Every structure is written in structure tokens, then in C-alpha cells.
Amino acid sequence: MPFGRSRLYEHGEVAEQGDVAAAPVSVRSDSPSSTAREARREIDTLRSINAHLIRQIAVLKQREAQAQHLADRDGLTGLYNRRKMLELLENSLSDAAQHEQHVGLLFIDLDGFKGVNDDRGHAAGDKLLITVASRIAARARTGDFVCRYGGDEFVVILPRVADWAAARQVADSIYKRVAVPYRIDGVELQVTAAIGVSMYPDEAGSAAALMQLADESMYRVKARWRDPLDILHGAPAATPTRRRDDKSKRRAVI
């Protein structure tokens, strides 16, 4: 057949000399080694993505923990704040009710702090509060919750405390440690603690009632110049609650 003339070829037919040969068809056939390399690359990519996600999750969890810490803690002392304290107290009472246990509550007010704040300034007052907070926390038991209620007031929750004697022992230890003189900015300062103690379920069946009794107990200490660890047994004394005049705030605790 002349050169350039088109011709169809049946299956198995060979082109004659001079005919234009058909274009070759390329058929891909990956080798096992090539497939394995591709699979390894994909696995490495997935591992890299997974590692990145793990790091991102860790960062997010850390930020969440930091945010929760800021929400639960007092900005100055690092102790639990009032909001968290109320939550912890409710949880402690609920747990105690289920297991028929006691919960003690210490309400602590500093005597002499206002004079420090007035005479030495707020910076010195803040340093004093930080040190007092550290001393209180050091004398609490493992598992107790130490909180800053506000100003120069602190609360210690004693979950699963055995009895009155055990609660008083903790209060006595805190009282003695707080009374040790402080050195702030090269100046020796002195404050003492009035501590009111109340006990669940002996005196009160709710967090609010327990707080009120401990508060009143603490103010009986300040108002009567009595034992600095006054403990109420039964109904609170018929005395005004939360006496806040400067005279009572400056009274020494014996």
C-alpha cells in the first residue's frame, strides 16, 4: 500500500511496510516499592497533622486552665476567692451529708491591719496580706480550703473534720502563726487574728447559716475581748452582727 494511505487494522493484523505505524499507548503500572513510598509519605503527613493538633489542644487546655484559675482565685493572695469559697462550702456540706461527717468553718478577721494600711500605705498592706495568707495556708490541713473572703477577712473550710477539738486545734495553730511579728519593707509590724468557728451539722444545716454563725462568733471575740477562738455551741449570742465601726476594728485580741 502506498505511503500515507490510511488503513484500518483488524486485531492481530500487521501493518505493511510503508504504512504509518499506530501511536504507542502508555499503560501505568506502579511497582510495589513506589506504592509503599507513597503510603509512607501519606502516613508521615497524617502524623504531622496529628502532632500539630495535639499541640493546639494542649495550648487550648492550658489557656482554659489559666482562665479557670483566674476565675477561682483571689488576684492578690492566690487563695480561693469568695465565689469559689461558697461553691466549695456547698460541695463540702453535700459530701458530709452523704457520709455523715462534720465540716468546720473558720472565719478570720485581722486586728491591726487597718492601722498598717493607714500608716504604711496600701503597698505595705498588700504585702502583709500576702504573707498572712501564706501563713494561714501553711497551718491548714491537707484537703482544707483556704479562701480570702474580702479585705482582711479569710475563711478556712475544714471538710471531714473529726470534732470540735480538731477544728479548734487548726484555729489555734493559725492564730498563733498569724500573731508572729512581720517584717515588711524593713519595718516590723504586728497583727492578730480574731477567729470564729462553727460546725456542721451540730450548729447549722446550710452554708448560709454556717457562715452566719462563724461570723457572729468572730465578732463576739472582737467585741468582748475574750478567748480569740470563740466557738459557738447552739444558738448565737444576742449581739449585733457584723459590727464594723473603726473602734471595734482596731481592738486588740487577747
C-alpha atoms as a PDB file:
ATOM      1  CA  MET A   1       0.000   0.000   0.000  1.00  0.00           C
ATOM      2  CA  PRO A   2       1.311   3.445  -0.902  1.00  0.00           C
ATOM      3  CA  PHE A   3       2.832   5.598   1.819  1.00  0.00           C
ATOM      4  CA  GLY A   4       0.392   7.883   3.592  1.00  0.00           C
ATOM      5  CA  ARG A   5      -2.722   5.911   2.684  1.00  0.00           C
ATOM      6  CA  SER A   6      -4.928   5.298   5.691  1.00  0.00           C
ATOM      7  CA  ARG A   7      -5.875   1.804   6.608  1.00  0.00           C
ATOM      8  CA  LEU A   8      -7.712   0.146   9.450  1.00  0.00           C
ATOM      9  CA  TYR A   9      -6.121  -2.869  11.014  1.00  0.00           C
ATOM     10  CA  GLU A  10      -8.030  -5.760  12.362  1.00  0.00           C
ATOM     11  CA  HIS A  11      -6.979  -7.331  15.629  1.00  0.00           C
ATOM     12  CA  GLY A  12      -3.754  -9.235  15.087  1.00  0.00           C
ATOM     13  CA  GLU A  13      -3.108  -7.756  11.613  1.00  0.00           C
ATOM     14  CA  VAL A  14       0.408  -6.462  10.967  1.00  0.00           C
ATOM     15  CA  ALA A  15       0.975  -3.159   9.160  1.00  0.00           C
ATOM     16  CA  GLU A  16       2.599  -3.464   5.817  1.00  0.00           C
ATOM     17  CA  GLN A  17       5.854  -1.764   5.053  1.00  0.00           C
ATOM     18  CA  GLY A  18       5.256   1.877   4.217  1.00  0.00           C
ATOM     19  CA  ASP A  19       2.133   2.188   6.293  1.00  0.00           C
ATOM     20  CA  VAL A  20       2.091   4.731   9.130  1.00  0.00           C
ATOM     21  CA  ALA A  21       2.511   2.864  12.425  1.00  0.00           C
ATOM     22  CA  ALA A  22      -0.113   3.407  15.140  1.00  0.00           C
ATOM     23  CA  ALA A  23       0.977   5.596  18.103  1.00  0.00           C
ATOM     24  CA  PRO A  24       2.003   3.528  21.160  1.00  0.00           C
ATOM     25  CA  VAL A  25      -0.335   3.598  24.204  1.00  0.00           C
ATOM     26  CA  SER A  26       1.312   4.104  27.633  1.00  0.00           C
ATOM     27  CA  VAL A  27      -0.212   1.954  30.421  1.00  0.00           C
ATOM     28  CA  ARG A  28       0.785   2.921  34.050  1.00  0.00           C
ATOM     29  CA  SER A  29       1.875   0.073  36.180  1.00  0.00           C
ATOM     30  CA  ASP A  30       3.188   1.209  39.642  1.00  0.00           C
ATOM     31  CA  SER A  31       5.695  -1.042  41.241  1.00  0.00           C
ATOM     32  CA  PRO A  32       5.202  -2.275  44.833  1.00  0.00           C
ATOM     33  CA  SER A  33       8.123  -0.116  46.014  1.00  0.00           C
ATOM     34  CA  SER A  34       6.573   3.041  44.540  1.00  0.00           C
ATOM     35  CA  THR A  35       3.222   2.335  46.202  1.00  0.00           C
ATOM     36  CA  ALA A  36       4.917   1.786  49.567  1.00  0.00           C
ATOM     37  CA  ARG A  37       6.792   5.097  49.303  1.00  0.00           C
ATOM     38  CA  GLU A  38       3.576   6.965  48.558  1.00  0.00           C
ATOM     39  CA  ALA A  39       1.841   5.310  51.519  1.00  0.00           C
ATOM     40  CA  ARG A  40       4.702   6.275  53.824  1.00  0.00           C
ATOM     41  CA  ARG A  41       4.525   9.889  52.661  1.00  0.00           C
ATOM     42  CA  GLU A  42       0.786   9.985  53.394  1.00  0.00           C
ATOM     43  CA  ILE A  43       1.338   8.424  56.836  1.00  0.00           C
ATOM     44  CA  ASP A  44       4.064  10.990  57.632  1.00  0.00           C
ATOM     45  CA  THR A  45       1.733  13.803  56.573  1.00  0.00           C
ATOM     46  CA  LEU A  46      -1.059  12.497  58.803  1.00  0.00           C
ATOM     47  CA  ARG A  47       1.340  12.122  61.703  1.00  0.00           C
ATOM     48  CA  SER A  48       2.494  15.700  61.271  1.00  0.00           C
ATOM     49  CA  ILE A  49      -1.103  16.959  61.217  1.00  0.00           C
ATOM     50  CA  ASN A  50      -1.925  14.877  64.288  1.00  0.00           C
ATOM     51  CA  ALA A  51       1.088  16.224  66.199  1.00  0.00           C
ATOM     52  CA  HIS A  52       0.069  19.785  65.312  1.00  0.00           C
ATOM     53  CA  LEU A  53      -3.482  19.165  66.546  1.00  0.00           C
ATOM     54  CA  ILE A  54      -2.189  17.680  69.790  1.00  0.00           C
ATOM     55  CA  ARG A  55      -0.059  20.773  70.385  1.00  0.00           C
ATOM     56  CA  GLN A  56      -3.002  23.056  69.648  1.00  0.00           C
ATOM     57  CA  ILE A  57      -5.253  21.121  72.027  1.00  0.00           C
ATOM     58  CA  ALA A  58      -2.580  21.343  74.750  1.00  0.00           C
ATOM     59  CA  VAL A  59      -2.358  25.122  74.284  1.00  0.00           C
ATOM     60  CA  LEU A  60      -6.138  25.480  74.456  1.00  0.00           C
ATOM     61  CA  LYS A  61      -6.327  23.340  77.614  1.00  0.00           C
ATOM     62  CA  GLN A  62      -3.594  25.431  79.211  1.00  0.00           C
ATOM     63  CA  ARG A  63      -5.447  28.641  78.401  1.00  0.00           C
ATOM     64  CA  GLU A  64      -8.670  27.168  79.746  1.00  0.00           C
ATOM     65  CA  ALA A  65      -6.921  26.167  82.974  1.00  0.00           C
ATOM     66  CA  GLN A  66      -5.435  29.653  83.317  1.00  0.00           C
ATOM     67  CA  ALA A  67      -8.826  31.252  82.777  1.00  0.00           C
ATOM     68  CA  GLN A  68     -10.388  28.939  85.362  1.00  0.00           C
ATOM     69  CA  HIS A  69      -7.607  29.741  87.812  1.00  0.00           C
ATOM     70  CA  LEU A  70      -8.198  33.462  87.401  1.00  0.00           C
ATOM     71  CA  ALA A  71     -11.930  32.948  87.893  1.00  0.00           C
ATOM     72  CA  ASP A  72     -11.451  30.909  91.095  1.00  0.00           C
ATOM     73  CA  ARG A  73      -8.545  32.706  92.761  1.00  0.00           C
ATOM     74  CA  ASP A  74      -8.025  35.975  94.558  1.00  0.00           C
ATOM     75  CA  GLY A  75      -5.822  38.201  92.451  1.00  0.00           C
ATOM     76  CA  LEU A  76      -3.636  39.359  95.349  1.00  0.00           C
ATOM     77  CA  THR A  77      -3.078  36.345  97.585  1.00  0.00           C
ATOM     78  CA  GLY A  78      -3.725  33.465  95.188  1.00  0.00           C
ATOM     79  CA  LEU A  79      -6.179  31.920  97.644  1.00  0.00           C
ATOM     80  CA  TYR A  80      -9.667  30.858  96.569  1.00  0.00           C
ATOM     81  CA  ASN A  81     -11.954  33.864  96.166  1.00  0.00           C
ATOM     82  CA  ARG A  82     -15.375  34.376  97.729  1.00  0.00           C
ATOM     83  CA  ARG A  83     -17.306  32.957  94.787  1.00  0.00           C
ATOM     84  CA  LYS A  84     -15.259  29.773  94.757  1.00  0.00           C
ATOM     85  CA  MET A  85     -15.396  29.558  98.541  1.00  0.00           C
ATOM     86  CA  LEU A  86     -19.191  29.428  98.507  1.00  0.00           C
ATOM     87  CA  GLU A  87     -19.075  26.680  95.873  1.00  0.00           C
ATOM     88  CA  LEU A  88     -16.523  24.676  97.873  1.00  0.00           C
ATOM     89  CA  LEU A  89     -18.555  25.062 101.057  1.00  0.00           C
ATOM     90  CA  GLU A  90     -21.734  23.833  99.399  1.00  0.00           C
ATOM     91  CA  ASN A  91     -19.876  20.843  97.948  1.00  0.00           C
ATOM     92  CA  SER A  92     -18.275  20.048 101.308  1.00  0.00           C
ATOM     93  CA  LEU A  93     -21.643  20.101 103.077  1.00  0.00           C
ATOM     94  CA  SER A  94     -23.203  17.907 100.418  1.00  0.00           C
ATOM     95  CA  ASP A  95     -20.387  15.389 100.743  1.00  0.00           C
ATOM     96  CA  ALA A  96     -20.602  15.476 104.542  1.00  0.00           C
ATOM     97  CA  ALA A  97     -24.355  14.852 104.453  1.00  0.00           C
ATOM     98  CA  GLN A  98     -23.884  11.765 102.300  1.00  0.00           C
ATOM     99  CA  HIS A  99     -21.186  10.301 104.541  1.00  0.00           C
ATOM    100  CA  GLU A 100     -22.463  11.596 107.904  1.00  0.00           C
ATOM    101  CA  GLN A 101     -19.359  13.675 108.545  1.00  0.00           C
ATOM    102  CA  HIS A 102     -18.605  17.070 110.065  1.00  0.00           C
ATOM    103  CA  VAL A 103     -17.476  20.248 108.346  1.00  0.00           C
ATOM    104  CA  GLY A 104     -15.822  23.037 110.291  1.00  0.00           C
ATOM    105  CA  LEU A 105     -15.731  26.671 109.223  1.00  0.00           C
ATOM    106  CA  LEU A 106     -13.211  29.263 110.434  1.00  0.00           C
ATOM    107  CA  PHE A 107     -13.972  32.929 109.873  1.00  0.00           C
ATOM    108  CA  ILE A 108     -10.826  35.022 110.353  1.00  0.00           C
ATOM    109  CA  ASP A 109     -10.574  38.797 110.683  1.00  0.00           C
ATOM    110  CA  LEU A 110      -7.291  40.632 111.158  1.00  0.00           C
ATOM    111  CA  ASP A 111      -6.920  43.083 114.022  1.00  0.00           C
ATOM    112  CA  GLY A 112      -4.433  45.871 113.413  1.00  0.00           C
ATOM    113  CA  PHE A 113      -4.490  45.685 109.636  1.00  0.00           C
ATOM    114  CA  LYS A 114      -6.312  48.978 109.154  1.00  0.00           C
ATOM    115  CA  GLY A 115      -3.580  50.785 111.080  1.00  0.00           C
ATOM    116  CA  VAL A 116      -0.910  49.251 108.855  1.00  0.00           C
ATOM    117  CA  ASN A 117      -2.805  50.274 105.736  1.00  0.00           C
ATOM    118  CA  ASP A 118      -3.297  53.811 107.026  1.00  0.00           C
ATOM    119  CA  ASP A 119       0.242  54.341 108.356  1.00  0.00           C
ATOM    120  CA  ARG A 120       2.374  52.389 105.890  1.00  0.00           C
ATOM    121  CA  GLY A 121       0.264  52.619 102.736  1.00  0.00           C
ATOM    122  CA  HIS A 122      -1.618  50.155 100.557  1.00  0.00           C
ATOM    123  CA  ALA A 123       1.531  48.610  99.090  1.00  0.00           C
ATOM    124  CA  ALA A 124       2.716  47.562 102.549  1.00  0.00           C
ATOM    125  CA  GLY A 125      -0.815  46.440 103.377  1.00  0.00           C
ATOM    126  CA  ASP A 126      -0.895  44.219 100.304  1.00  0.00           C
ATOM    127  CA  LYS A 127       2.460  42.658 101.191  1.00  0.00           C
ATOM    128  CA  LEU A 128       1.174  41.996 104.694  1.00  0.00           C
ATOM    129  CA  LEU A 129      -1.992  40.330 103.381  1.00  0.00           C
ATOM    130  CA  ILE A 130       0.046  38.109 101.075  1.00  0.00           C
ATOM    131  CA  THR A 131       2.228  36.981 103.989  1.00  0.00           C
ATOM    132  CA  VAL A 132      -0.765  36.426 106.270  1.00  0.00           C
ATOM    133  CA  ALA A 133      -2.448  34.355 103.565  1.00  0.00           C
ATOM    134  CA  SER A 134       0.674  32.227 103.233  1.00  0.00           C
ATOM    135  CA  ARG A 135       0.816  31.641 106.987  1.00  0.00           C
ATOM    136  CA  ILE A 136      -2.826  30.644 107.180  1.00  0.00           C
ATOM    137  CA  ALA A 137      -2.466  28.233 104.266  1.00  0.00           C
ATOM    138  CA  ALA A 138       0.632  26.695 105.871  1.00  0.00           C
ATOM    139  CA  ARG A 139      -1.296  25.863 109.055  1.00  0.00           C
ATOM    140  CA  ALA A 140      -4.355  24.397 107.315  1.00  0.00           C
ATOM    141  CA  ARG A 141      -4.628  20.642 106.948  1.00  0.00           C
ATOM    142  CA  THR A 142      -4.174  18.816 103.674  1.00  0.00           C
ATOM    143  CA  GLY A 143      -7.563  18.942 101.966  1.00  0.00           C
ATOM    144  CA  ASP A 144      -8.730  22.124 103.697  1.00  0.00           C
ATOM    145  CA  PHE A 145      -9.823  25.093 101.577  1.00  0.00           C
ATOM    146  CA  VAL A 146      -8.257  28.456 102.416  1.00  0.00           C
ATOM    147  CA  CYS A 147     -10.065  31.462 100.953  1.00  0.00           C
ATOM    148  CA  ARG A 148      -9.864  35.217 101.026  1.00  0.00           C
ATOM    149  CA  TYR A 149     -13.357  36.435 101.783  1.00  0.00           C
ATOM    150  CA  GLY A 150     -12.509  40.067 101.117  1.00  0.00           C
ATOM    151  CA  GLY A 151     -10.424  42.870 102.597  1.00  0.00           C
ATOM    152  CA  ASP A 152      -8.646  41.494 105.672  1.00  0.00           C
ATOM    153  CA  GLU A 153     -11.052  38.592 106.140  1.00  0.00           C
ATOM    154  CA  PHE A 154     -10.307  34.950 105.415  1.00  0.00           C
ATOM    155  CA  VAL A 155     -12.285  31.724 105.557  1.00  0.00           C
ATOM    156  CA  VAL A 156     -10.975  28.205 106.066  1.00  0.00           C
ATOM    157  CA  ILE A 157     -13.243  25.263 105.271  1.00  0.00           C
ATOM    158  CA  LEU A 158     -12.443  22.070 107.184  1.00  0.00           C
ATOM    159  CA  PRO A 159     -14.033  19.132 105.340  1.00  0.00           C
ATOM    160  CA  ARG A 160     -14.330  15.815 107.203  1.00  0.00           C
ATOM    161  CA  VAL A 161     -13.073  17.345 110.455  1.00  0.00           C
ATOM    162  CA  ALA A 162     -13.387  14.832 113.283  1.00  0.00           C
ATOM    163  CA  ASP A 163     -14.890  17.016 116.014  1.00  0.00           C
ATOM    164  CA  TRP A 164     -14.795  20.361 117.793  1.00  0.00           C
ATOM    165  CA  ALA A 165     -11.392  19.666 119.275  1.00  0.00           C
ATOM    166  CA  ALA A 166      -9.882  19.064 115.842  1.00  0.00           C
ATOM    167  CA  ALA A 167     -11.410  22.269 114.468  1.00  0.00           C
ATOM    168  CA  ARG A 168     -10.144  24.263 117.415  1.00  0.00           C
ATOM    169  CA  GLN A 169      -6.675  22.795 117.006  1.00  0.00           C
ATOM    170  CA  VAL A 170      -6.458  24.131 113.451  1.00  0.00           C
ATOM    171  CA  ALA A 171      -7.816  27.516 114.539  1.00  0.00           C
ATOM    172  CA  ASP A 172      -5.349  27.715 117.430  1.00  0.00           C
ATOM    173  CA  SER A 173      -2.426  26.914 115.128  1.00  0.00           C
ATOM    174  CA  ILE A 174      -3.497  29.635 112.677  1.00  0.00           C
ATOM    175  CA  TYR A 175      -3.994  32.163 115.458  1.00  0.00           C
ATOM    176  CA  LYS A 176      -0.523  31.629 116.888  1.00  0.00           C
ATOM    177  CA  ARG A 177       1.190  31.760 113.490  1.00  0.00           C
ATOM    178  CA  VAL A 178      -0.592  34.949 112.397  1.00  0.00           C
ATOM    179  CA  ALA A 179       0.393  36.657 115.666  1.00  0.00           C
ATOM    180  CA  VAL A 180       4.138  36.298 114.981  1.00  0.00           C
ATOM    181  CA  PRO A 181       5.520  39.756 114.026  1.00  0.00           C
ATOM    182  CA  TYR A 182       6.043  40.597 110.348  1.00  0.00           C
ATOM    183  CA  ARG A 183       8.855  42.496 108.689  1.00  0.00           C
ATOM    184  CA  ILE A 184       7.564  44.473 105.716  1.00  0.00           C
ATOM    185  CA  ASP A 185       9.931  46.837 103.884  1.00  0.00           C
ATOM    186  CA  GLY A 186      12.327  46.741 106.802  1.00  0.00           C
ATOM    187  CA  VAL A 187       9.648  47.643 109.360  1.00  0.00           C
ATOM    188  CA  GLU A 188       8.319  45.235 111.991  1.00  0.00           C
ATOM    189  CA  LEU A 189       4.535  45.049 112.003  1.00  0.00           C
ATOM    190  CA  GLN A 190       2.071  43.266 114.235  1.00  0.00           C
ATOM    191  CA  VAL A 191      -1.437  41.995 113.533  1.00  0.00           C
ATOM    192  CA  THR A 192      -3.544  39.391 115.261  1.00  0.00           C
ATOM    193  CA  ALA A 193      -6.490  37.284 114.182  1.00  0.00           C
ATOM    194  CA  ALA A 194      -9.966  37.020 115.625  1.00  0.00           C
ATOM    195  CA  ILE A 195     -11.304  33.602 114.644  1.00  0.00           C
ATOM    196  CA  GLY A 196     -14.906  32.479 114.794  1.00  0.00           C
ATOM    197  CA  VAL A 197     -15.619  28.767 114.445  1.00  0.00           C
ATOM    198  CA  SER A 198     -18.835  26.966 113.534  1.00  0.00           C
ATOM    199  CA  MET A 199     -19.595  23.331 112.849  1.00  0.00           C
ATOM    200  CA  TYR A 200     -21.870  21.381 110.513  1.00  0.00           C
ATOM    201  CA  PRO A 201     -24.238  19.703 111.298  1.00  0.00           C
ATOM    202  CA  ASP A 202     -24.053  20.424 115.047  1.00  0.00           C
ATOM    203  CA  GLU A 203     -24.989  24.092 114.669  1.00  0.00           C
ATOM    204  CA  ALA A 204     -26.265  24.624 111.159  1.00  0.00           C
ATOM    205  CA  GLY A 205     -27.588  22.663 108.224  1.00  0.00           C
ATOM    206  CA  SER A 206     -26.792  25.095 105.425  1.00  0.00           C
ATOM    207  CA  ALA A 207     -23.841  27.057 104.109  1.00  0.00           C
ATOM    208  CA  ALA A 208     -25.514  30.399 104.803  1.00  0.00           C
ATOM    209  CA  ALA A 209     -26.306  29.501 108.412  1.00  0.00           C
ATOM    210  CA  LEU A 210     -22.818  28.140 108.993  1.00  0.00           C
ATOM    211  CA  MET A 211     -21.279  31.348 107.639  1.00  0.00           C
ATOM    212  CA  GLN A 212     -23.515  33.499 109.813  1.00  0.00           C
ATOM    213  CA  LEU A 213     -22.640  31.581 112.970  1.00  0.00           C
ATOM    214  CA  ALA A 214     -18.899  31.723 112.307  1.00  0.00           C
ATOM    215  CA  ASP A 215     -19.185  35.433 111.523  1.00  0.00           C
ATOM    216  CA  GLU A 216     -21.073  36.151 114.736  1.00  0.00           C
ATOM    217  CA  SER A 217     -18.625  34.055 116.698  1.00  0.00           C
ATOM    218  CA  MET A 218     -15.743  36.068 115.286  1.00  0.00           C
ATOM    219  CA  TYR A 219     -17.397  39.368 116.213  1.00  0.00           C
ATOM    220  CA  ARG A 220     -18.075  38.141 119.733  1.00  0.00           C
ATOM    221  CA  VAL A 221     -14.314  37.724 120.009  1.00  0.00           C
ATOM    222  CA  LYS A 222     -13.676  41.265 118.844  1.00  0.00           C
ATOM    223  CA  ALA A 223     -16.467  42.837 120.892  1.00  0.00           C
ATOM    224  CA  ARG A 224     -15.830  41.071 124.200  1.00  0.00           C
ATOM    225  CA  TRP A 225     -12.034  40.802 124.343  1.00  0.00           C
ATOM    226  CA  ARG A 226     -12.452  37.107 125.002  1.00  0.00           C
ATOM    227  CA  ASP A 227     -10.694  33.914 124.061  1.00  0.00           C
ATOM    228  CA  PRO A 228      -9.563  34.544 120.456  1.00  0.00           C
ATOM    229  CA  LEU A 229     -11.007  31.181 119.416  1.00  0.00           C
ATOM    230  CA  ASP A 230     -14.596  31.610 120.489  1.00  0.00           C
ATOM    231  CA  ILE A 231     -16.730  28.647 119.427  1.00  0.00           C
ATOM    232  CA  LEU A 232     -20.480  28.776 119.415  1.00  0.00           C
ATOM    233  CA  HIS A 233     -22.397  25.841 120.816  1.00  0.00           C
ATOM    234  CA  GLY A 234     -26.037  26.129 119.852  1.00  0.00           C
ATOM    235  CA  ALA A 235     -27.794  29.420 119.162  1.00  0.00           C
ATOM    236  CA  PRO A 236     -25.659  32.531 118.603  1.00  0.00           C
ATOM    237  CA  ALA A 237     -25.475  35.163 121.286  1.00  0.00           C
ATOM    238  CA  ALA A 238     -27.938  38.022 121.046  1.00  0.00           C
ATOM    239  CA  THR A 239     -25.353  40.575 119.976  1.00  0.00           C
ATOM    240  CA  PRO A 240     -25.330  42.776 116.877  1.00  0.00           C
ATOM    241  CA  THR A 241     -23.891  41.088 113.798  1.00  0.00           C
ATOM    242  CA  ARG A 242     -21.005  42.495 111.754  1.00  0.00           C
ATOM    243  CA  ARG A 243     -20.090  45.453 113.961  1.00  0.00           C
ATOM    244  CA  ARG A 244     -17.938  47.477 111.610  1.00  0.00           C
ATOM    245  CA  ASP A 245     -17.042  50.688 113.427  1.00  0.00           C
ATOM    246  CA  ASP A 246     -13.371  51.666 113.431  1.00  0.00           C
ATOM    247  CA  LYS A 247     -13.108  51.317 117.191  1.00  0.00           C
ATOM    248  CA  SER A 248     -14.031  47.651 117.173  1.00  0.00           C
ATOM    249  CA  LYS A 249     -11.815  47.044 114.117  1.00  0.00           C
ATOM    250  CA  ARG A 250      -8.777  48.404 115.981  1.00  0.00           C
ATOM    251  CA  ARG A 251      -9.343  46.473 119.212  1.00  0.00           C
ATOM    252  CA  ALA A 252      -6.611  44.097 120.248  1.00  0.00           C
ATOM    253  CA  VAL A 253      -7.435  40.447 120.532  1.00  0.00           C
ATOM    254  CA  ILE A 254      -6.398  38.740 123.746  1.00  0.00           C
END
